[in-house]
N, C-alpha and C. Protein backbone atom coordinates (compact mmCIF):
# COMPACT_ATOMS: atom_id res chain seq x y z
N MET A 1 84.92 102.49 87.91
CA MET A 1 85.89 103.33 86.68
C MET A 1 85.46 104.35 86.49
N ALA A 2 86.01 105.36 86.12
CA ALA A 2 85.68 106.59 85.63
C ALA A 2 85.43 107.04 84.02
N ILE A 3 86.46 106.10 83.29
CA ILE A 3 86.36 106.26 81.89
C ILE A 3 85.44 104.76 81.52
N GLU A 4 84.36 105.11 81.57
CA GLU A 4 83.28 103.57 80.85
C GLU A 4 83.53 103.35 79.65
N TYR A 5 83.54 103.69 79.04
CA TYR A 5 84.28 103.03 77.55
C TYR A 5 84.72 104.32 76.73
N ILE A 6 85.26 103.61 75.60
CA ILE A 6 86.05 104.53 74.14
C ILE A 6 85.44 103.11 73.04
N ASP A 7 84.45 103.84 72.27
CA ASP A 7 83.87 103.33 71.13
C ASP A 7 84.58 103.05 70.23
N ALA A 8 85.25 101.89 69.99
CA ALA A 8 86.46 101.35 69.08
C ALA A 8 85.79 101.78 67.43
N ASP A 9 84.42 101.44 67.41
CA ASP A 9 83.70 102.00 65.70
C ASP A 9 83.57 103.43 65.80
N LYS A 10 84.07 104.59 66.67
CA LYS A 10 83.53 105.99 66.30
C LYS A 10 84.87 106.48 66.48
N CYS A 11 85.88 105.49 67.02
CA CYS A 11 87.05 106.09 67.11
C CYS A 11 87.95 105.94 66.14
N ASN A 12 88.66 107.45 65.43
CA ASN A 12 89.13 107.70 64.37
C ASN A 12 90.74 107.57 64.40
N GLY A 13 91.55 107.33 65.60
CA GLY A 13 92.65 107.16 66.05
C GLY A 13 93.50 108.42 66.03
N CYS A 14 92.96 109.89 66.34
CA CYS A 14 93.56 110.58 66.31
C CYS A 14 94.26 110.97 67.27
N GLU A 15 94.29 110.69 68.24
CA GLU A 15 95.28 110.47 69.54
C GLU A 15 95.10 111.95 70.28
N ILE A 16 94.28 112.52 70.20
CA ILE A 16 93.98 113.74 70.86
C ILE A 16 93.70 113.50 72.02
N CYS A 17 92.89 112.22 72.62
CA CYS A 17 92.28 112.00 74.13
C CYS A 17 93.76 111.94 74.89
N ILE A 18 95.02 111.14 73.90
CA ILE A 18 96.03 110.64 74.89
C ILE A 18 96.72 112.47 74.86
N GLU A 19 96.46 112.99 73.94
CA GLU A 19 97.17 114.44 74.54
C GLU A 19 96.15 114.99 75.60
N SER A 20 94.95 115.18 75.84
CA SER A 20 94.18 115.60 76.55
C SER A 20 94.26 114.91 77.98
N CYS A 21 94.47 113.62 78.04
CA CYS A 21 94.44 112.88 79.38
C CYS A 21 95.54 113.32 80.23
N ILE A 22 95.24 114.36 81.55
CA ILE A 22 96.53 114.26 82.46
C ILE A 22 96.68 113.35 83.20
N GLN A 23 96.16 112.37 83.36
CA GLN A 23 96.63 111.14 84.04
C GLN A 23 97.12 109.95 82.83
N ASP A 24 97.42 110.22 82.05
CA ASP A 24 98.21 108.94 80.82
C ASP A 24 97.42 107.82 81.11
N CYS A 25 96.03 108.00 80.94
CA CYS A 25 95.02 106.48 81.22
C CYS A 25 94.97 105.92 79.88
N ILE A 26 95.01 106.56 78.81
CA ILE A 26 94.73 106.22 77.44
C ILE A 26 95.92 106.11 76.48
N ARG A 27 95.87 104.66 76.04
CA ARG A 27 96.90 104.62 75.16
C ARG A 27 96.21 104.04 73.69
N MET A 28 97.19 103.92 72.64
CA MET A 28 96.47 103.79 71.35
C MET A 28 97.14 102.10 71.20
N GLU A 29 95.99 101.10 70.56
CA GLU A 29 96.49 99.82 70.07
C GLU A 29 95.80 99.55 69.08
N ASP A 30 96.43 98.62 67.84
CA ASP A 30 95.93 99.03 66.49
C ASP A 30 95.10 100.22 66.11
N GLU A 31 95.61 100.97 66.22
CA GLU A 31 95.12 102.53 65.48
C GLU A 31 93.90 102.98 66.29
N LYS A 32 93.70 102.55 67.52
CA LYS A 32 92.36 102.74 68.21
C LYS A 32 92.81 103.21 69.55
N ALA A 33 92.01 104.26 70.79
CA ALA A 33 92.43 104.43 71.74
C ALA A 33 91.73 103.57 72.89
N VAL A 34 92.53 102.71 73.52
CA VAL A 34 92.34 102.12 74.34
C VAL A 34 92.12 102.47 75.92
N ILE A 35 91.50 102.25 76.98
CA ILE A 35 91.77 102.64 78.41
C ILE A 35 92.62 101.76 79.08
N LYS A 36 93.95 102.20 79.31
CA LYS A 36 94.91 101.16 79.87
C LYS A 36 95.37 101.25 81.52
N TYR A 37 94.75 102.50 82.15
CA TYR A 37 95.16 102.79 83.32
C TYR A 37 93.91 103.28 83.83
N PRO A 38 92.52 102.54 84.12
CA PRO A 38 91.49 103.25 84.90
C PRO A 38 91.14 103.74 85.92
N GLU A 39 91.98 102.96 86.51
CA GLU A 39 92.26 103.23 88.13
C GLU A 39 92.85 104.45 88.46
N ASP A 40 93.22 105.16 87.55
CA ASP A 40 94.25 106.52 87.46
C ASP A 40 93.36 107.55 87.13
N CYS A 41 92.18 107.53 86.76
CA CYS A 41 91.34 108.34 85.98
C CYS A 41 90.39 109.03 87.10
N MET A 42 90.67 110.33 87.06
CA MET A 42 90.08 111.37 87.90
C MET A 42 88.62 112.00 87.23
N SER A 43 88.32 111.37 86.34
CA SER A 43 86.90 111.81 86.07
C SER A 43 86.91 113.44 85.50
N CYS A 44 88.29 113.95 85.17
CA CYS A 44 88.27 115.24 84.36
C CYS A 44 87.80 115.99 83.39
N PHE A 45 87.13 114.66 82.54
CA PHE A 45 86.11 114.93 81.33
C PHE A 45 86.89 115.40 80.16
N TYR A 46 88.62 115.49 80.38
CA TYR A 46 89.31 116.50 79.27
C TYR A 46 89.13 115.48 78.05
N CYS A 47 89.28 114.01 77.92
CA CYS A 47 89.33 113.33 76.95
C CYS A 47 88.16 112.89 76.28
N GLU A 48 86.91 113.08 76.99
CA GLU A 48 85.51 113.22 76.36
C GLU A 48 85.12 114.49 75.52
N MET A 49 85.61 115.71 76.15
CA MET A 49 85.19 116.67 75.45
C MET A 49 86.08 116.75 74.32
N ASP A 50 87.44 116.93 74.65
CA ASP A 50 88.31 116.84 73.03
C ASP A 50 87.75 116.03 72.10
N CYS A 51 87.14 114.73 72.39
CA CYS A 51 87.19 113.73 71.60
C CYS A 51 86.45 114.20 70.25
N PRO A 52 86.67 114.55 69.23
CA PRO A 52 85.83 114.98 67.90
C PRO A 52 84.84 113.82 67.35
N THR A 53 84.84 112.58 67.48
CA THR A 53 84.12 111.58 67.06
C THR A 53 82.99 111.15 68.35
N GLU A 54 82.98 111.90 69.75
CA GLU A 54 82.43 111.34 70.83
C GLU A 54 82.35 109.97 70.94
N ALA A 55 83.94 109.51 70.69
CA ALA A 55 83.59 108.07 71.29
C ALA A 55 83.99 107.72 72.53
N ILE A 56 84.16 108.60 73.16
CA ILE A 56 84.84 108.53 74.51
C ILE A 56 83.11 108.69 75.67
N ASN A 57 83.09 108.35 76.83
CA ASN A 57 82.24 108.01 77.39
C ASN A 57 82.68 107.95 79.04
N VAL A 58 82.56 109.14 79.88
CA VAL A 58 83.45 109.20 81.02
C VAL A 58 82.17 109.32 82.29
N THR A 59 82.36 108.50 83.48
CA THR A 59 81.28 108.87 84.40
C THR A 59 81.88 109.91 85.56
N PRO A 60 80.77 110.12 86.47
CA PRO A 60 81.72 110.55 87.72
C PRO A 60 81.82 109.66 88.61
N GLU A 61 81.20 108.65 88.57
CA GLU A 61 81.05 107.58 89.60
C GLU A 61 82.43 106.86 89.99
N ARG A 62 82.59 106.64 90.81
CA ARG A 62 83.80 106.03 91.01
C ARG A 62 83.84 104.68 91.98
N ASN A 63 84.25 103.56 91.75
CA ASN A 63 84.18 102.47 91.96
C ASN A 63 85.40 101.88 93.13
N PHE A 64 85.83 102.47 93.65
CA PHE A 64 86.84 102.84 95.11
C PHE A 64 86.68 103.62 95.91
N PRO A 65 87.01 102.82 96.92
CA PRO A 65 86.69 103.99 98.66
C PRO A 65 87.48 105.26 98.40
N PRO A 66 87.01 106.12 98.77
CA PRO A 66 87.76 107.43 99.12
C PRO A 66 88.77 107.45 100.10
N LEU A 67 89.66 108.06 99.55
CA LEU A 67 90.93 108.03 100.64
C LEU A 67 90.79 108.89 101.79
N ILE A 68 90.99 108.20 103.02
CA ILE A 68 90.51 109.20 104.48
C ILE A 68 91.39 109.54 104.82
N ALA A 69 91.90 110.67 105.31
CA ALA A 69 92.94 111.53 105.95
C ALA A 69 93.44 110.86 107.29
N TRP A 70 94.29 110.46 107.86
CA TRP A 70 94.85 110.45 108.85
C TRP A 70 94.64 111.34 110.19
N ARG A 71 94.07 111.06 110.94
CA ARG A 71 94.25 112.03 112.17
C ARG A 71 95.58 112.04 113.04
């Protein structure tokens, strides 16, 4: 998973991360941001960089095998 976590205690519900996410991985639930589609995250770090409360942590590590081009 590229998005490791979103700290619900730090999240203020501003929705900036939702607007920043180019893969549409984050949604709002109970006025807090949650990771809905972690497998779609490209580790672009936009949500982490744009979060005003530093509630999001993204890792460059991916837990699934890379795609291999056919020959």
